[in-house]
């Protein structure tokens, strides 16, 4: 990753956050909670993916339709987030694979080398 990539990434992130700040306060609060939750448990491709911008798109449509944020996502923010990432590979999956020694992990390769 070169310096230009870093600069471009920061520009995109600032533009993204400007869109978030343009949302009504209740939407901003829920977005920040979703973002915090997804950064803890979310998919591996979260920083490079379309999930966070897609949430902002969804929220902007909700604002335009005159709906409250809880009308869109329900009262359980974590459950809504879990549903969004249910088919994505998460950091928790990677960790589970590493401690279980499933094929393709370093630990299983070490075991095979010791027995083979």
Protein backbone atom coordinates (compact mmCIF):
# COMPACT_ATOMS: atom_id res chain seq x y z
CA UNK A 1 0.00 0.00 0.00
CA UNK A 2 1.54 3.24 -1.14
CA UNK A 3 1.17 6.72 0.24
CA UNK A 4 -1.36 7.59 -2.47
CA UNK A 5 -3.55 4.67 -1.38
CA UNK A 6 -3.42 5.86 2.21
CA UNK A 7 -4.31 9.43 1.22
CA UNK A 8 -7.16 8.22 -0.99
CA UNK A 9 -8.45 5.98 1.79
CA UNK A 10 -8.48 8.89 4.23
CA UNK A 11 -10.35 11.07 1.72
CA UNK A 12 -12.97 8.36 1.25
CA UNK A 13 -13.33 7.85 5.01
CA UNK A 14 -13.75 11.59 5.60
CA UNK A 15 -16.40 11.78 2.86
CA UNK A 16 -18.15 8.77 4.40
CA UNK A 17 -18.14 10.34 7.87
CA UNK A 18 -19.44 13.63 6.43
CA UNK A 19 -22.45 11.67 5.14
CA UNK A 20 -22.95 10.18 8.60
CA UNK A 21 -22.79 13.63 10.22
CA UNK A 22 -25.47 14.86 7.81
CA UNK A 23 -27.93 12.29 9.21
CA UNK A 24 -30.36 13.20 12.00
CA UNK A 25 -28.96 12.74 15.53
CA UNK A 26 -30.83 9.48 16.27
CA UNK A 27 -29.50 7.94 13.06
CA UNK A 28 -25.97 9.08 13.95
CA UNK A 29 -26.16 7.47 17.37
CA UNK A 30 -27.36 4.16 15.96
CA UNK A 31 -24.79 4.25 13.14
CA UNK A 32 -21.95 4.78 15.62
CA UNK A 33 -23.19 1.89 17.76
CA UNK A 34 -23.41 -0.32 14.67
CA UNK A 35 -19.94 0.74 13.57
CA UNK A 36 -18.50 0.00 17.02
CA UNK A 37 -20.18 -3.40 17.08
CA UNK A 38 -19.11 -4.32 13.56
CA UNK A 39 -15.49 -3.32 14.19
CA UNK A 40 -15.48 -5.71 17.16
CA UNK A 41 -17.16 -8.73 15.60
CA UNK A 42 -17.62 -7.84 11.99
CA UNK A 43 -16.39 -9.27 8.76
CA UNK A 44 -12.76 -9.31 7.74
CA UNK A 45 -13.48 -7.18 4.68
CA UNK A 46 -15.26 -4.45 6.67
CA UNK A 47 -12.66 -1.70 6.06
CA UNK A 48 -12.56 -2.38 2.30
CA UNK A 49 -16.12 -3.52 1.78
CA UNK A 50 -19.39 -1.81 1.01
CA UNK A 51 -21.13 -2.61 4.29
CA UNK A 52 -20.68 0.71 6.10
CA UNK A 53 -21.44 2.87 3.04
CA UNK A 54 -24.43 0.61 2.38
CA UNK A 55 -25.74 1.27 5.88
CA UNK A 56 -25.45 5.02 5.27
CA UNK A 57 -27.30 4.61 1.95
CA UNK A 58 -30.04 2.67 3.77
CA UNK A 59 -30.25 5.32 6.49
CA UNK A 60 -30.40 8.16 3.96
CA UNK A 61 -33.32 6.41 2.26
CA UNK A 62 -35.04 6.04 5.64
CA UNK A 63 -34.60 9.74 6.37
CA UNK A 64 -35.97 10.64 2.94
CA UNK A 65 -39.00 8.42 3.61
CA UNK A 66 -39.56 10.15 6.96
CA UNK A 67 -38.97 7.02 9.03
CA UNK A 68 -37.29 6.81 12.41
CA UNK A 69 -34.13 4.75 12.62
CA UNK A 70 -35.71 2.13 14.88
CA UNK A 71 -38.51 1.67 12.34
CA UNK A 72 -35.81 0.59 9.88
CA UNK A 73 -33.67 -1.68 12.02
CA UNK A 74 -35.78 -2.60 15.03
CA UNK A 75 -34.85 -2.23 18.69
CA UNK A 76 -31.98 -4.75 18.74
CA UNK A 77 -29.03 -3.12 16.98
CA UNK A 78 -26.73 -6.11 17.56
CA UNK A 79 -29.24 -8.54 16.04
CA UNK A 80 -29.60 -6.28 13.00
CA UNK A 81 -25.81 -6.17 12.60
CA UNK A 82 -25.51 -9.93 13.06
CA UNK A 83 -28.04 -10.43 10.28
CA UNK A 84 -26.03 -8.15 8.00
CA UNK A 85 -22.83 -10.17 8.43
CA UNK A 86 -24.28 -13.65 8.86
CA UNK A 87 -22.73 -14.95 5.62
CA UNK A 88 -19.42 -13.12 5.99
CA UNK A 89 -16.17 -14.49 7.35
CA UNK A 90 -15.39 -12.75 10.64
CA UNK A 91 -12.34 -12.35 12.84
CA UNK A 92 -14.02 -14.72 15.29
CA UNK A 93 -14.11 -17.38 12.53
CA UNK A 94 -10.41 -16.91 11.87
CA UNK A 95 -9.64 -17.22 15.57
CA UNK A 96 -11.76 -20.35 15.95
CA UNK A 97 -10.00 -21.93 12.98
CA UNK A 98 -6.60 -21.08 14.41
CA UNK A 99 -7.29 -22.66 17.80
CA UNK A 100 -9.07 -25.71 16.42
CA UNK A 101 -6.25 -26.58 14.03
CA UNK A 102 -8.49 -26.90 10.98
CA UNK A 103 -6.77 -27.56 7.68
CA UNK A 104 -5.25 -24.48 6.17
CA UNK A 105 -4.09 -23.02 9.45
CA UNK A 106 -0.50 -22.86 10.67
CA UNK A 107 -1.23 -25.07 13.67
CA UNK A 108 -2.60 -27.94 11.58
CA UNK A 109 0.41 -27.69 9.26
CA UNK A 110 2.73 -27.97 12.26
CA UNK A 111 0.87 -31.07 13.47
CA UNK A 112 1.08 -32.68 10.05
CA UNK A 113 4.82 -31.98 9.90
CA UNK A 114 5.34 -33.55 13.31
CA UNK A 115 3.38 -36.70 12.49
CA UNK A 116 4.38 -36.99 8.86
